[in-house]
Amino acid sequence: MRLTLFISILLATPVCAAPDTFVSPAIGALESGVICPPPSVGDAPAPGTVAGVTHLVNEDPPFVSMSRRVPAVLGIGFGVKTLTADILGLSDVTMTVTHPPMGKDGATQQSFLTRIDGGTPSLTFYQFDFAYELVQGTWEMEAVKNGEILYRTTFDVVAPKDAPELARICGFEELLS
């Protein structure tokens, strides 16, 4: 009952997106923000990413901030929670993350397949695991299914000193440089 009530409220809530966020009618709800990622329970192959894998998590962490201003701090995550308008959801959604050049090859784009559910919110997030990922600037997340853009939103990754309230929110102070 509680889950049904939550889903009903979430589906009845209009998609409130920032001005530079695009949301197609196929998406019934979208939220974005900063998270303190839960521990990974494994990895899934993601050959279109610099690391070659994406994290698998059992917990769906809450957003610690609905801001799209993200401090470049190891351990911090940011992303999007979505529901499709269709209760059946969508599989084989291509998620593309575009960012300033990173890594030894100067990659500016990473992509992987994901699913967006229609019954429970689906979380897609990026977590800073390695120092080479801490590149400041505009990061864009875009979900596409069969050539149709489902949503696109941006995040502004900044120096920790420019978002001090978030730089320490997940308890990674010892990782700040």
Protein backbone atom coordinates (compact mmCIF):
# COMPACT_ATOMS: atom_id res chain seq x y z
CA MET A 1 0.00 0.00 0.00
CA ARG A 2 2.76 2.42 0.95
CA LEU A 3 4.59 1.65 -2.31
CA THR A 4 1.39 2.15 -4.30
CA LEU A 5 0.78 5.48 -2.58
CA PHE A 6 4.37 6.57 -3.25
CA ILE A 7 4.11 5.63 -6.92
CA SER A 8 0.73 7.36 -7.25
CA ILE A 9 2.08 10.56 -5.72
CA LEU A 10 5.23 10.40 -7.82
CA LEU A 11 3.30 9.82 -11.04
CA ALA A 12 0.88 12.62 -10.21
CA THR A 13 3.78 14.98 -9.58
CA PRO A 14 4.65 17.03 -12.64
CA VAL A 15 8.12 16.69 -14.01
CA CYS A 16 9.93 19.71 -12.60
CA ALA A 17 13.07 20.19 -14.58
CA ALA A 18 15.65 22.92 -14.71
CA PRO A 19 15.46 25.22 -17.74
CA ASP A 20 18.33 23.41 -19.48
CA THR A 21 16.75 19.98 -18.93
CA PHE A 22 14.76 18.25 -21.67
CA VAL A 23 12.18 15.62 -20.72
CA SER A 24 10.13 13.72 -23.31
CA PRO A 25 6.49 12.66 -22.75
CA ALA A 26 7.78 9.08 -22.34
CA ILE A 27 9.18 10.10 -18.93
CA GLY A 28 6.59 10.44 -16.18
CA ALA A 29 8.85 11.74 -13.41
CA LEU A 30 12.41 13.04 -13.19
CA GLU A 31 14.54 14.32 -10.31
CA SER A 32 18.23 15.12 -10.33
CA GLY A 33 20.80 15.87 -7.68
CA VAL A 34 23.80 14.85 -5.61
CA ILE A 35 24.03 11.52 -3.77
CA CYS A 36 26.26 9.78 -1.29
CA PRO A 37 26.52 6.46 -3.15
CA PRO A 38 25.93 3.24 -1.23
CA PRO A 39 28.57 0.50 -1.35
CA SER A 40 28.82 -1.30 -4.68
CA VAL A 41 27.67 -4.93 -4.69
CA GLY A 42 29.43 -5.66 -7.97
CA ASP A 43 30.08 -4.35 -11.43
CA ALA A 44 28.42 -4.72 -14.82
CA PRO A 45 30.45 -4.65 -18.03
CA ALA A 46 30.26 -1.24 -19.72
CA PRO A 47 32.72 -1.21 -22.61
CA GLY A 48 31.68 2.32 -23.60
CA THR A 49 33.07 3.77 -20.36
CA VAL A 50 36.61 4.73 -19.37
CA ALA A 51 36.60 2.24 -16.46
CA GLY A 52 34.93 -0.49 -18.55
CA VAL A 53 32.33 -1.20 -15.85
CA THR A 54 29.45 0.43 -14.01
CA HIS A 55 28.66 -0.11 -10.32
CA LEU A 56 25.74 -2.23 -9.18
CA VAL A 57 23.99 -1.15 -5.97
CA ASN A 58 21.20 -2.70 -3.91
CA GLU A 59 20.19 0.52 -2.18
CA ASP A 60 18.54 3.52 -3.78
CA PRO A 61 20.13 6.42 -1.88
CA PRO A 62 18.25 9.67 -1.39
CA PHE A 63 19.52 12.86 -2.92
CA VAL A 64 21.50 14.78 -0.31
CA SER A 65 20.96 17.87 -2.44
CA MET A 66 18.73 18.64 -5.40
CA SER A 67 21.48 20.91 -6.69
CA ARG A 68 23.09 20.25 -10.02
CA ARG A 69 26.27 21.93 -8.78
CA VAL A 70 28.58 19.07 -7.84
CA PRO A 71 31.90 19.31 -5.99
CA ALA A 72 34.77 17.42 -7.64
CA VAL A 73 35.39 15.11 -4.66
CA LEU A 74 36.23 11.41 -4.71
CA GLY A 75 33.24 9.36 -3.57
CA ILE A 76 30.54 11.92 -4.44
CA GLY A 77 27.85 10.89 -6.90
CA PHE A 78 25.31 12.75 -8.99
CA GLY A 79 22.53 11.64 -11.25
CA VAL A 80 18.91 11.24 -12.13
CA LYS A 81 15.94 9.30 -10.76
CA THR A 82 13.26 8.64 -13.35
CA LEU A 83 10.02 6.79 -13.99
CA THR A 84 8.57 6.16 -17.41
CA ALA A 85 5.03 7.29 -18.20
CA ASP A 86 4.29 3.66 -19.19
CA ILE A 87 4.11 1.34 -16.18
CA LEU A 88 5.99 -1.34 -18.17
CA GLY A 89 9.14 0.78 -18.33
CA LEU A 90 11.82 0.80 -21.01
CA SER A 91 14.80 -1.52 -21.42
CA ASP A 92 17.90 -1.08 -23.56
CA VAL A 93 18.08 2.65 -22.92
CA THR A 94 21.44 4.13 -23.93
CA MET A 95 22.77 6.47 -21.27
CA THR A 96 25.47 8.85 -22.48
CA VAL A 97 27.52 10.99 -20.13
CA THR A 98 29.38 13.85 -21.82
CA HIS A 99 32.06 15.72 -19.87
CA PRO A 100 35.34 17.64 -20.19
CA PRO A 101 38.33 15.52 -21.35
CA MET A 102 39.47 12.89 -18.83
CA GLY A 103 41.76 9.92 -18.54
CA LYS A 104 44.88 9.10 -20.51
CA ASP A 105 42.98 9.24 -23.83
CA GLY A 106 41.10 12.46 -23.04
CA ALA A 107 37.67 10.79 -23.27
CA THR A 108 34.76 13.25 -23.44
CA GLN A 109 31.89 10.77 -23.65
CA GLN A 110 30.95 7.50 -21.97
CA SER A 111 27.89 5.35 -22.61
CA PHE A 112 26.22 2.23 -21.28
CA LEU A 113 22.86 0.47 -21.43
CA THR A 114 20.34 0.83 -18.64
CA ARG A 115 16.65 0.37 -17.89
CA ILE A 116 14.09 2.92 -16.75
CA ASP A 117 11.24 1.38 -14.79
CA GLY A 118 7.64 2.51 -14.76
CA GLY A 119 6.76 1.18 -11.32
CA THR A 120 9.68 2.22 -9.12
CA PRO A 121 12.15 5.06 -9.64
CA SER A 122 15.29 4.15 -11.58
CA LEU A 123 18.54 5.76 -10.47
CA THR A 124 21.34 6.43 -12.92
CA PHE A 125 24.35 8.14 -11.41
CA TYR A 126 27.99 8.93 -11.93
CA GLN A 127 30.38 8.49 -9.02
CA PHE A 128 33.86 9.96 -8.78
CA ASP A 129 36.05 6.90 -8.08
CA PHE A 130 39.39 8.01 -9.54
CA ALA A 131 41.37 11.26 -9.47
CA TYR A 132 41.36 11.46 -13.28
CA GLU A 133 37.55 11.80 -13.18
CA LEU A 134 37.60 15.00 -11.13
CA VAL A 135 37.32 17.29 -14.16
CA GLN A 136 35.46 20.53 -13.65
CA GLY A 137 32.97 21.91 -16.10
CA THR A 138 29.64 20.95 -17.62
CA TRP A 139 28.62 17.29 -17.48
CA GLU A 140 25.57 16.14 -19.45
CA MET A 141 23.48 13.00 -18.95
CA GLU A 142 21.28 11.92 -21.84
CA ALA A 143 18.99 8.88 -22.09
CA VAL A 144 18.01 7.66 -25.58
CA LYS A 145 15.77 4.81 -26.75
CA ASN A 146 15.56 3.93 -30.46
CA GLY A 147 16.92 7.33 -31.45
CA GLU A 148 14.41 9.25 -29.27
CA ILE A 149 15.85 11.42 -26.50
CA LEU A 150 14.03 10.53 -23.28
CA TYR A 151 15.76 13.14 -21.17
CA ARG A 152 18.85 15.30 -21.08
CA THR A 153 20.15 17.27 -18.12
CA THR A 154 23.38 18.94 -17.10
CA PHE A 155 25.47 19.20 -13.95
CA ASP A 156 28.16 21.76 -13.16
CA VAL A 157 31.19 20.08 -11.56
CA VAL A 158 33.13 22.63 -9.51
CA ALA A 159 36.13 22.84 -7.20
CA PRO A 160 35.31 21.65 -3.66
CA LYS A 161 35.90 25.18 -2.32
CA ASP A 162 33.08 26.41 -4.59
CA ALA A 163 30.53 24.05 -3.01
CA PRO A 164 31.88 23.53 0.54
CA GLU A 165 28.51 22.51 1.99
CA LEU A 166 28.38 19.58 -0.46
CA ALA A 167 32.10 18.78 -0.55
CA ARG A 168 31.88 17.41 3.00
CA ILE A 169 28.33 16.06 2.99
CA CYS A 170 29.22 12.41 2.35
CA GLY A 171 32.03 12.29 4.92
CA PHE A 172 34.92 12.15 2.46
CA GLU A 173 36.80 15.12 3.95
CA GLU A 174 40.08 13.19 4.04
CA LEU A 175 39.90 12.87 0.25
CA LEU A 176 39.73 16.63 -0.32
CA SER A 177 42.91 18.10 -1.73
